[in-house]
């Protein structure tokens, strides 16, 4: 099944805006900031997609966004694209990767990481548990990386999740998403409760857990020497990505 929101390539910001027209669920409340929500479902398929089709469509839409590379410091690079921003610390001690894009993006993520040099993969740091930030944990772990995250990220990824009423068609048909527990290979191998530090490539990576905000598993990663901070979905330019602001918007969908 194909959906209208797969038919053009857009930026991640536009994808988030278009996804909001699927109409209100807990996932949108957790994944997408309030000011990106729009209430209309006009133009979408009359028959509600299955949870598997809907999730596959969302992944495909994210994957349509090309990877753009931006150097943030001498050894810190941002890969912006299919599922947010992946930040990479690269050097003789190896590659330290923050977040992992969606699953279909793995070939081009691998190509981008290989293009940064021959240093081995050492760590993957998940900023929270959502699929667009953790989908490629398993292949990165298989390539040699240790997956590091807050303890709640491992907890949430270990659980099944059913998120209803993600899609409301013009005929009133409803559908949601289902997530099975992640595979053992995808789960973080190393976790922490409050804060954690890594020293590598003449850099200090300071990891800090937020109080429950976008999720209960969010962390930021501060590259202290480079003066770069990766905040993932706890920060969107010009909007607030918390769940409380979306409730009114999704109720009108």
Protein backbone atom coordinates (compact mmCIF):
# COMPACT_ATOMS: atom_id res chain seq x y z
CA UNK A 1 0.00 0.00 0.00
CA UNK A 2 1.29 3.44 -0.91
CA UNK A 3 0.28 6.70 0.71
CA UNK A 4 0.30 10.22 -0.65
CA UNK A 5 2.94 11.35 1.82
CA UNK A 6 5.46 9.03 0.12
CA UNK A 7 5.14 10.55 -3.32
CA UNK A 8 7.62 13.42 -3.06
CA UNK A 9 10.99 13.98 -1.50
CA UNK A 10 10.93 16.56 1.25
CA UNK A 11 13.03 17.79 4.08
CA UNK A 12 12.72 16.17 7.51
CA UNK A 13 10.88 19.27 8.72
CA UNK A 14 8.30 18.88 5.92
CA UNK A 15 8.02 15.17 6.68
CA UNK A 16 7.19 15.96 10.29
CA UNK A 17 4.59 18.46 9.12
CA UNK A 18 3.03 15.98 6.70
CA UNK A 19 3.06 13.17 9.24
CA UNK A 20 1.01 15.35 11.54
CA UNK A 21 -1.89 15.21 9.10
CA UNK A 22 -2.17 11.49 9.84
CA UNK A 23 -3.98 12.73 12.95
CA UNK A 24 -3.41 12.39 16.58
CA UNK A 25 -1.81 9.61 18.50
CA UNK A 26 0.45 9.08 21.43
CA UNK A 27 3.29 8.57 18.96
CA UNK A 28 2.79 11.98 17.40
CA UNK A 29 2.59 13.42 20.90
CA UNK A 30 5.97 11.86 21.65
CA UNK A 31 7.69 12.09 18.27
CA UNK A 32 6.62 15.40 16.80
CA UNK A 33 6.55 18.94 18.22
CA UNK A 34 3.21 20.66 18.57
CA UNK A 35 3.74 23.45 16.09
CA UNK A 36 4.30 20.90 13.32
CA UNK A 37 0.89 19.30 13.78
CA UNK A 38 -1.86 19.97 11.25
CA UNK A 39 -5.36 18.67 11.65
CA UNK A 40 -6.50 17.82 8.10
CA UNK A 41 -6.38 14.26 6.75
CA UNK A 42 -7.62 15.28 3.28
CA UNK A 43 -6.00 13.50 0.37
CA UNK A 44 -5.00 10.34 2.21
CA UNK A 45 -6.11 6.80 1.49
CA UNK A 46 -9.73 6.04 2.23
CA UNK A 47 -8.87 2.72 3.86
CA UNK A 48 -6.79 2.89 7.01
CA UNK A 49 -3.40 1.22 6.56
CA UNK A 50 -2.28 -1.65 8.73
CA UNK A 51 0.13 -0.83 11.55
CA UNK A 52 2.95 -2.52 9.62
CA UNK A 53 2.17 -0.61 6.42
CA UNK A 54 1.95 2.66 8.28
CA UNK A 55 5.29 2.17 10.01
CA UNK A 56 6.94 1.07 6.76
CA UNK A 57 5.56 4.17 5.07
CA UNK A 58 6.90 6.45 7.78
CA UNK A 59 10.33 4.84 7.51
CA UNK A 60 10.28 5.17 3.74
CA UNK A 61 9.32 8.82 3.95
CA UNK A 62 12.17 9.56 6.36
CA UNK A 63 14.55 7.59 4.12
CA UNK A 64 13.68 9.79 1.13
CA UNK A 65 15.57 12.64 2.79
CA UNK A 66 19.19 12.72 1.53
CA UNK A 67 22.11 12.85 3.94
CA UNK A 68 23.84 16.22 4.13
CA UNK A 69 27.25 16.40 5.79
CA UNK A 70 28.35 19.40 7.87
CA UNK A 71 31.61 19.68 9.76
CA UNK A 72 31.00 21.13 13.23
CA UNK A 73 34.58 20.97 14.54
CA UNK A 74 37.90 19.44 13.51
CA UNK A 75 36.78 15.95 14.43
CA UNK A 76 32.99 16.35 14.87
CA UNK A 77 30.67 15.94 11.88
CA UNK A 78 26.90 16.12 11.56
CA UNK A 79 25.06 13.88 9.11
CA UNK A 80 21.64 15.48 8.66
CA UNK A 81 18.96 13.45 6.93
CA UNK A 82 16.72 10.38 7.25
CA UNK A 83 15.52 10.51 10.82
CA UNK A 84 17.15 13.59 12.28
CA UNK A 85 20.82 14.37 12.77
CA UNK A 86 23.57 11.84 13.41
CA UNK A 87 26.65 13.42 15.04
CA UNK A 88 30.00 11.65 14.72
CA UNK A 89 33.22 12.11 16.68
CA UNK A 90 35.99 10.68 14.52
CA UNK A 91 39.66 10.09 15.27
CA UNK A 92 42.38 7.56 16.05
CA UNK A 93 40.37 6.19 18.99
CA UNK A 94 37.52 5.32 16.66
CA UNK A 95 34.12 6.64 15.63
CA UNK A 96 31.57 7.65 18.27
CA UNK A 97 28.12 7.95 16.69
CA UNK A 98 25.11 9.72 18.21
CA UNK A 99 21.81 8.28 16.89
CA UNK A 100 21.36 6.05 13.85
CA UNK A 101 18.63 7.15 11.38
CA UNK A 102 15.81 4.84 10.22
CA UNK A 103 16.43 1.26 9.11
CA UNK A 104 16.17 1.77 5.32
CA UNK A 105 18.93 4.41 5.54
CA UNK A 106 21.56 1.92 6.71
CA UNK A 107 23.42 1.59 3.35
CA UNK A 108 23.84 5.34 2.94
CA UNK A 109 24.64 5.82 6.65
CA UNK A 110 27.38 3.20 6.35
CA UNK A 111 28.70 4.91 3.23
CA UNK A 112 28.76 8.28 5.00
CA UNK A 113 30.54 6.83 8.04
CA UNK A 114 33.08 5.03 5.86
CA UNK A 115 33.68 8.31 4.05
CA UNK A 116 34.89 9.90 7.28
CA UNK A 117 37.91 7.60 7.44
CA UNK A 118 39.11 4.14 8.40
CA UNK A 119 38.80 4.43 12.18
CA UNK A 120 36.71 1.60 13.64
CA UNK A 121 33.26 2.07 15.10
CA UNK A 122 33.54 2.25 18.90
CA UNK A 123 30.29 3.56 20.36
CA UNK A 124 26.74 4.32 19.31
CA UNK A 125 24.91 6.66 21.68
CA UNK A 126 21.09 6.65 21.53
CA UNK A 127 19.55 9.95 22.62
CA UNK A 128 16.19 8.21 23.29
CA UNK A 129 14.23 5.12 22.34
CA UNK A 130 12.23 6.16 19.26
CA UNK A 131 12.73 4.13 16.09
CA UNK A 132 14.10 7.01 14.00
CA UNK A 133 17.00 7.28 16.45
CA UNK A 134 17.65 3.58 17.17
CA UNK A 135 16.71 1.65 14.01
CA UNK A 136 20.31 0.96 12.99
CA UNK A 137 21.65 -0.05 16.39
CA UNK A 138 21.94 -3.68 15.34
CA UNK A 139 24.03 -3.25 12.17
CA UNK A 140 26.27 -0.72 13.91
CA UNK A 141 26.75 -3.13 16.81
CA UNK A 142 27.52 -5.91 14.34
CA UNK A 143 30.14 -3.60 12.81
CA UNK A 144 31.87 -3.32 16.18
CA UNK A 145 30.15 -0.54 18.12
CA UNK A 146 28.98 -0.72 21.72
CA UNK A 147 25.49 0.79 22.04
CA UNK A 148 25.22 3.17 25.00
CA UNK A 149 22.01 4.81 26.23
CA UNK A 150 20.00 5.80 29.26
CA UNK A 151 18.55 2.83 31.13
CA UNK A 152 15.00 3.82 30.13
CA UNK A 153 15.94 3.56 26.46
CA UNK A 154 16.79 -0.10 26.94
CA UNK A 155 13.64 -0.58 28.99
CA UNK A 156 11.35 0.97 26.35
CA UNK A 157 13.04 -0.86 23.48
CA UNK A 158 12.58 -4.14 25.36
CA UNK A 159 8.80 -3.64 25.53
CA UNK A 160 6.06 -3.93 22.89
CA UNK A 161 4.24 -0.71 22.12
CA UNK A 162 0.79 -0.23 20.63
CA UNK A 163 0.03 3.35 19.75
CA UNK A 164 -3.57 3.79 18.55
CA UNK A 165 -5.25 6.40 16.38
CA UNK A 166 -2.21 7.52 14.46
CA UNK A 167 -4.20 7.62 11.23
CA UNK A 168 -7.75 8.80 10.67
CA UNK A 169 -8.99 8.57 7.10
CA UNK A 170 -11.71 10.76 5.57
CA UNK A 171 -14.14 7.88 6.15
CA UNK A 172 -13.32 7.83 9.86
CA UNK A 173 -11.28 4.63 9.69
CA UNK A 174 -8.58 4.43 12.36
CA UNK A 175 -5.19 2.79 12.53
CA UNK A 176 -2.14 2.92 14.75
CA UNK A 177 1.36 1.61 15.10
CA UNK A 178 2.68 -1.54 16.70
CA UNK A 179 6.28 -2.01 17.80
CA UNK A 180 7.58 -5.43 18.79
CA UNK A 181 10.38 -5.52 21.34
CA UNK A 182 13.71 -4.77 19.70
CA UNK A 183 16.10 -7.61 19.03
CA UNK A 184 18.83 -8.36 21.54
CA UNK A 185 21.38 -7.09 19.01
CA UNK A 186 19.64 -3.71 18.84
CA UNK A 187 19.35 -3.14 22.58
CA UNK A 188 21.94 -0.98 24.35
CA UNK A 189 24.73 -3.09 25.77
CA UNK A 190 25.71 -0.35 28.21
CA UNK A 191 23.37 1.96 30.15
CA UNK A 192 23.51 4.67 32.80
CA UNK A 193 21.03 6.27 35.19
CA UNK A 194 21.90 9.97 35.37
CA UNK A 195 25.16 10.95 33.67
CA UNK A 196 28.15 9.40 31.97
CA UNK A 197 31.43 10.55 30.43
CA UNK A 198 33.58 9.19 27.65
CA UNK A 199 37.13 10.31 26.82
CA UNK A 200 38.28 9.77 23.25
CA UNK A 201 40.01 11.51 20.36
CA UNK A 202 41.19 14.33 22.67
CA UNK A 203 37.53 15.04 23.44
CA UNK A 204 35.20 14.63 26.41
CA UNK A 205 31.67 13.45 25.71
CA UNK A 206 29.38 14.34 28.61
CA UNK A 207 26.05 12.51 28.57
CA UNK A 208 23.24 13.80 30.76
CA UNK A 209 19.69 12.54 31.30
CA UNK A 210 16.83 15.02 31.18
CA UNK A 211 13.83 14.91 33.46
CA UNK A 212 10.90 13.36 31.50
CA UNK A 213 10.28 15.64 28.52
CA UNK A 214 10.00 14.35 24.97
CA UNK A 215 10.26 10.85 26.49
CA UNK A 216 11.49 9.53 29.82
CA UNK A 217 14.71 8.36 28.15
CA UNK A 218 16.12 11.58 26.65
CA UNK A 219 19.76 12.54 27.02
CA UNK A 220 22.00 15.19 25.54
CA UNK A 221 25.57 14.63 24.41
CA UNK A 222 28.01 17.51 24.98
CA UNK A 223 31.27 17.43 23.06
CA UNK A 224 33.00 19.70 25.53
CA UNK A 225 36.19 20.67 23.71
CA UNK A 226 34.38 21.25 20.43
CA UNK A 227 31.59 23.15 22.23
CA UNK A 228 28.97 21.09 20.37
CA UNK A 229 25.82 19.67 21.95
CA UNK A 230 23.49 17.08 20.45
CA UNK A 231 19.98 17.39 21.96
CA UNK A 232 18.03 15.30 19.43
CA UNK A 233 14.25 15.70 19.82
CA UNK A 234 14.39 17.76 22.99
CA UNK A 235 15.13 20.77 20.78
CA UNK A 236 13.55 21.92 17.53
CA UNK A 237 14.24 25.35 16.11
CA UNK A 238 11.36 27.72 16.95
CA UNK A 239 9.11 25.13 18.60
CA UNK A 240 8.76 23.03 21.75
CA UNK A 241 8.77 19.23 21.19
CA UNK A 242 6.85 18.18 24.29
CA UNK A 243 3.68 16.13 24.33
CA UNK A 244 1.44 18.48 26.28
CA UNK A 245 1.08 21.09 23.55
CA UNK A 246 -0.18 18.62 20.94
CA UNK A 247 -3.25 17.39 22.77
CA UNK A 248 -5.56 20.13 21.58
CA UNK A 249 -4.26 19.89 18.03
CA UNK A 250 -4.67 16.12 17.68
CA UNK A 251 -8.18 16.17 19.14
CA UNK A 252 -9.40 18.09 16.08
CA UNK A 253 -8.04 15.59 13.56
